[in-house]
Amino acid sequence: MTAQEIVFDGLSFGMKIVGDMYERNERFVTDMLKAAKTMDKAMPLLAPLLESAGDSSGPTGTVVIGLVRGNTQDRRDRPLGTSRRPRRDRACV
């Protein structure tokens, strides 16, 4: 199994299943937190494999992050902390 398959077909798919079950009141918030912690612990292990598997043909897309006015969530959260880092050879703007 490749790192991409682990992330997309395993971890992300599992997160979606747990989220869908939560929306149907079949799971609790604690189950969603467990799934998120599992993904959070796996990403640092998978990140080097994902980086090495990527091609060097250049950027494949743009990531846009926005905030909602009045949002009171703790800013120490890192929603994309391990899932997307800037390329080392490119300047962040």
N, C-alpha and C. Protein backbone atom coordinates (compact mmCIF):
# COMPACT_ATOMS: atom_id res chain seq x y z
N MET A 1 0.84 -1.18 0.00
CA MET A 1 0.00 0.00 0.00
C MET A 1 0.89 1.24 0.00
N THR A 2 0.55 2.22 -0.81
CA THR A 2 1.34 3.45 -0.85
C THR A 2 0.87 4.38 0.27
N ALA A 3 1.70 5.39 0.53
CA ALA A 3 1.35 6.37 1.56
C ALA A 3 0.07 7.11 1.18
N GLN A 4 -0.10 7.40 -0.11
CA GLN A 4 -1.31 8.08 -0.56
C GLN A 4 -2.55 7.22 -0.30
N GLU A 5 -2.44 5.93 -0.55
CA GLU A 5 -3.57 5.04 -0.31
C GLU A 5 -3.90 4.97 1.18
N ILE A 6 -2.87 4.96 2.02
CA ILE A 6 -3.11 4.93 3.46
C ILE A 6 -3.86 6.18 3.90
N VAL A 7 -3.43 7.34 3.39
CA VAL A 7 -4.06 8.60 3.79
C VAL A 7 -5.48 8.71 3.23
N PHE A 8 -5.62 8.51 1.92
CA PHE A 8 -6.92 8.77 1.29
C PHE A 8 -7.91 7.62 1.43
N ASP A 9 -7.45 6.38 1.24
CA ASP A 9 -8.36 5.24 1.30
C ASP A 9 -8.51 4.68 2.71
N GLY A 10 -7.62 5.06 3.61
CA GLY A 10 -7.68 4.55 4.97
C GLY A 10 -8.08 5.61 5.96
N LEU A 11 -7.15 6.51 6.26
CA LEU A 11 -7.38 7.51 7.31
C LEU A 11 -8.51 8.48 6.98
N SER A 12 -8.45 9.10 5.82
CA SER A 12 -9.48 10.09 5.45
C SER A 12 -10.85 9.42 5.30
N PHE A 13 -10.86 8.25 4.71
CA PHE A 13 -12.12 7.53 4.53
C PHE A 13 -12.70 7.15 5.89
N GLY A 14 -11.85 6.73 6.81
CA GLY A 14 -12.30 6.41 8.16
C GLY A 14 -12.87 7.62 8.88
N MET A 15 -12.20 8.77 8.69
CA MET A 15 -12.70 10.01 9.29
C MET A 15 -14.09 10.34 8.74
N LYS A 16 -14.27 10.15 7.45
CA LYS A 16 -15.57 10.44 6.83
C LYS A 16 -16.65 9.51 7.38
N ILE A 17 -16.32 8.23 7.52
CA ILE A 17 -17.29 7.27 8.05
C ILE A 17 -17.71 7.65 9.47
N VAL A 18 -16.74 7.95 10.32
CA VAL A 18 -17.05 8.34 11.70
C VAL A 18 -17.87 9.63 11.72
N GLY A 19 -17.52 10.60 10.86
CA GLY A 19 -18.29 11.85 10.79
C GLY A 19 -19.72 11.62 10.34
N ASP A 20 -19.89 10.77 9.34
CA ASP A 20 -21.24 10.45 8.86
C ASP A 20 -22.06 9.76 9.95
N MET A 21 -21.41 8.84 10.67
CA MET A 21 -22.12 8.14 11.75
C MET A 21 -22.47 9.10 12.88
N TYR A 22 -21.60 10.07 13.15
CA TYR A 22 -21.90 11.07 14.17
C TYR A 22 -23.12 11.91 13.76
N GLU A 23 -23.19 12.28 12.50
CA GLU A 23 -24.34 13.07 12.03
C GLU A 23 -25.64 12.30 12.16
N ARG A 24 -25.57 10.97 12.08
CA ARG A 24 -26.77 10.14 12.23
C ARG A 24 -26.99 9.73 13.69
N ASN A 25 -26.22 10.35 14.61
CA ASN A 25 -26.31 10.06 16.05
C ASN A 25 -25.99 8.60 16.37
N GLU A 26 -25.09 8.01 15.58
CA GLU A 26 -24.66 6.64 15.83
C GLU A 26 -23.31 6.59 16.53
N ARG A 27 -22.63 7.71 16.63
CA ARG A 27 -21.32 7.82 17.28
C ARG A 27 -21.30 9.09 18.12
N PHE A 28 -20.31 9.17 19.00
CA PHE A 28 -20.16 10.32 19.88
C PHE A 28 -18.96 11.16 19.46
N VAL A 29 -18.87 12.35 20.02
CA VAL A 29 -17.75 13.25 19.73
C VAL A 29 -16.43 12.57 20.07
N THR A 30 -16.42 11.80 21.13
CA THR A 30 -15.17 11.12 21.53
C THR A 30 -14.67 10.18 20.43
N ASP A 31 -15.58 9.57 19.69
CA ASP A 31 -15.18 8.71 18.58
C ASP A 31 -14.52 9.52 17.47
N MET A 32 -15.07 10.71 17.22
CA MET A 32 -14.47 11.58 16.21
C MET A 32 -13.08 12.04 16.65
N LEU A 33 -12.93 12.33 17.94
CA LEU A 33 -11.63 12.76 18.46
C LEU A 33 -10.61 11.64 18.36
N LYS A 34 -11.03 10.41 18.62
CA LYS A 34 -10.12 9.26 18.50
C LYS A 34 -9.64 9.11 17.05
N ALA A 35 -10.55 9.25 16.10
CA ALA A 35 -10.19 9.14 14.69
C ALA A 35 -9.23 10.26 14.30
N ALA A 36 -9.49 11.46 14.79
CA ALA A 36 -8.62 12.60 14.48
C ALA A 36 -7.23 12.41 15.10
N LYS A 37 -7.17 11.89 16.32
CA LYS A 37 -5.87 11.64 16.96
C LYS A 37 -5.09 10.57 16.21
N THR A 38 -5.78 9.57 15.72
CA THR A 38 -5.12 8.52 14.94
C THR A 38 -4.49 9.12 13.70
N MET A 39 -5.24 9.96 13.00
CA MET A 39 -4.71 10.59 11.79
C MET A 39 -3.56 11.53 12.15
N ASP A 40 -3.70 12.26 13.26
CA ASP A 40 -2.66 13.19 13.69
C ASP A 40 -1.36 12.46 14.01
N LYS A 41 -1.45 11.28 14.59
CA LYS A 41 -0.25 10.51 14.92
C LYS A 41 0.35 9.85 13.68
N ALA A 42 -0.48 9.51 12.71
CA ALA A 42 0.02 8.84 11.50
C ALA A 42 0.68 9.80 10.52
N MET A 43 0.20 11.03 10.44
CA MET A 43 0.71 11.96 9.42
C MET A 43 2.21 12.25 9.53
N PRO A 44 2.77 12.45 10.72
CA PRO A 44 4.22 12.68 10.76
C PRO A 44 5.02 11.48 10.24
N LEU A 45 4.48 10.28 10.40
CA LEU A 45 5.16 9.09 9.88
C LEU A 45 5.03 8.99 8.36
N LEU A 46 3.88 9.43 7.85
CA LEU A 46 3.62 9.32 6.42
C LEU A 46 4.15 10.51 5.61
N ALA A 47 4.36 11.65 6.27
CA ALA A 47 4.77 12.86 5.56
C ALA A 47 6.03 12.67 4.72
N PRO A 48 7.09 12.07 5.23
CA PRO A 48 8.28 11.88 4.39
C PRO A 48 8.00 11.00 3.17
N LEU A 49 7.16 9.99 3.35
CA LEU A 49 6.81 9.12 2.22
C LEU A 49 5.98 9.88 1.18
N LEU A 50 5.07 10.73 1.65
CA LEU A 50 4.26 11.52 0.73
C LEU A 50 5.12 12.51 -0.04
N GLU A 51 6.07 13.13 0.65
CA GLU A 51 6.95 14.10 0.00
C GLU A 51 7.84 13.43 -1.04
N SER A 52 8.37 12.28 -0.70
CA SER A 52 9.26 11.60 -1.65
C SER A 52 8.51 11.01 -2.83
N ALA A 53 7.23 10.70 -2.63
CA ALA A 53 6.42 10.13 -3.72
C ALA A 53 5.93 11.19 -4.69
N GLY A 54 5.92 12.45 -4.26
CA GLY A 54 5.43 13.52 -5.14
C GLY A 54 6.37 13.75 -6.31
N ASP A 55 5.81 14.16 -7.42
CA ASP A 55 6.66 14.45 -8.57
C ASP A 55 7.19 15.87 -8.47
N SER A 56 8.22 16.15 -9.19
CA SER A 56 8.85 17.48 -9.13
C SER A 56 8.44 18.36 -10.30
N SER A 57 7.27 18.09 -10.85
CA SER A 57 6.82 18.86 -12.02
C SER A 57 6.25 20.22 -11.65
N GLY A 58 6.20 20.53 -10.36
CA GLY A 58 5.70 21.83 -9.94
C GLY A 58 4.44 21.71 -9.12
N PRO A 59 3.89 22.84 -8.73
CA PRO A 59 2.70 22.82 -7.88
C PRO A 59 1.50 22.20 -8.60
N THR A 60 0.67 21.53 -7.83
CA THR A 60 -0.51 20.89 -8.42
C THR A 60 -1.80 21.61 -8.07
N GLY A 61 -1.72 22.63 -7.21
CA GLY A 61 -2.92 23.34 -6.84
C GLY A 61 -2.63 24.45 -5.86
N THR A 62 -3.67 25.08 -5.39
CA THR A 62 -3.55 26.18 -4.45
C THR A 62 -4.39 25.86 -3.22
N VAL A 63 -3.82 26.12 -2.07
CA VAL A 63 -4.54 25.93 -0.82
C VAL A 63 -4.96 27.30 -0.32
N VAL A 64 -6.25 27.46 -0.04
CA VAL A 64 -6.78 28.72 0.48
C VAL A 64 -7.35 28.45 1.86
N ILE A 65 -6.91 29.21 2.84
CA ILE A 65 -7.39 29.05 4.20
C ILE A 65 -8.05 30.36 4.62
N GLY A 66 -9.25 30.28 5.14
CA GLY A 66 -9.95 31.48 5.59
C GLY A 66 -10.51 31.29 6.98
N LEU A 67 -10.83 32.39 7.61
CA LEU A 67 -11.43 32.38 8.93
C LEU A 67 -12.80 33.04 8.87
N VAL A 68 -13.67 32.61 9.73
CA VAL A 68 -15.00 33.20 9.83
C VAL A 68 -14.96 34.30 10.88
N ARG A 69 -15.46 35.47 10.52
CA ARG A 69 -15.48 36.58 11.47
C ARG A 69 -16.27 36.18 12.72
N GLY A 70 -15.68 36.47 13.87
CA GLY A 70 -16.32 36.14 15.13
C GLY A 70 -16.04 34.72 15.60
N ASN A 71 -15.23 33.99 14.87
CA ASN A 71 -14.89 32.63 15.27
C ASN A 71 -14.07 32.67 16.56
N THR A 72 -14.50 31.94 17.56
CA THR A 72 -13.82 31.97 18.86
C THR A 72 -12.99 30.73 19.12
N GLN A 73 -12.72 29.95 18.08
CA GLN A 73 -11.92 28.75 18.28
C GLN A 73 -10.50 29.11 18.65
N ASP A 74 -9.88 28.23 19.37
CA ASP A 74 -8.50 28.42 19.81
C ASP A 74 -7.58 28.42 18.59
N ARG A 75 -6.80 29.43 18.42
CA ARG A 75 -5.92 29.55 17.25
C ARG A 75 -4.67 28.67 17.36
N ARG A 76 -4.53 27.97 18.46
CA ARG A 76 -3.41 27.04 18.55
C ARG A 76 -3.66 25.80 17.71
N ASP A 77 -4.90 25.64 17.25
CA ASP A 77 -5.20 24.53 16.36
C ASP A 77 -4.37 24.67 15.09
N ARG A 78 -3.97 23.55 14.55
CA ARG A 78 -3.23 23.56 13.29
C ARG A 78 -3.96 22.65 12.31
N PRO A 79 -5.05 23.12 11.71
CA PRO A 79 -5.85 22.23 10.88
C PRO A 79 -5.10 21.65 9.69
N LEU A 80 -4.12 22.36 9.19
CA LEU A 80 -3.34 21.85 8.06
C LEU A 80 -1.87 21.68 8.43
N GLY A 81 -1.59 21.60 9.71
CA GLY A 81 -0.21 21.57 10.17
C GLY A 81 0.63 20.48 9.56
N THR A 82 0.11 19.27 9.44
CA THR A 82 0.90 18.19 8.88
C THR A 82 0.43 17.78 7.50
N SER A 83 -0.78 18.20 7.13
CA SER A 83 -1.29 17.74 5.86
C SER A 83 -0.77 18.54 4.68
N ARG A 84 -0.35 19.77 4.90
CA ARG A 84 0.17 20.56 3.79
C ARG A 84 1.21 21.53 4.31
N ARG A 85 2.43 21.36 3.87
CA ARG A 85 3.51 22.27 4.22
C ARG A 85 4.05 22.87 2.94
N PRO A 86 4.55 24.11 2.99
CA PRO A 86 5.09 24.71 1.77
C PRO A 86 6.32 23.96 1.33
N ARG A 87 6.53 23.95 0.04
CA ARG A 87 7.74 23.33 -0.51
C ARG A 87 8.94 24.12 -0.07
N ARG A 88 10.03 23.43 0.21
CA ARG A 88 11.22 24.09 0.70
C ARG A 88 11.86 25.00 -0.34
N ASP A 89 11.66 24.69 -1.61
CA ASP A 89 12.30 25.47 -2.65
C ASP A 89 11.45 26.65 -3.12
N ARG A 90 10.33 26.91 -2.45
CA ARG A 90 9.44 28.00 -2.85
C ARG A 90 9.21 28.92 -1.67
N ALA A 91 9.09 30.16 -1.95
CA ALA A 91 8.81 31.16 -0.90
C ALA A 91 7.32 31.15 -0.59
N CYS A 92 6.98 31.30 0.68
CA CYS A 92 5.57 31.41 1.08
C CYS A 92 5.12 32.86 0.93
N VAL A 93 3.95 33.02 0.39
CA VAL A 93 3.40 34.37 0.22
C VAL A 93 2.13 34.47 1.03
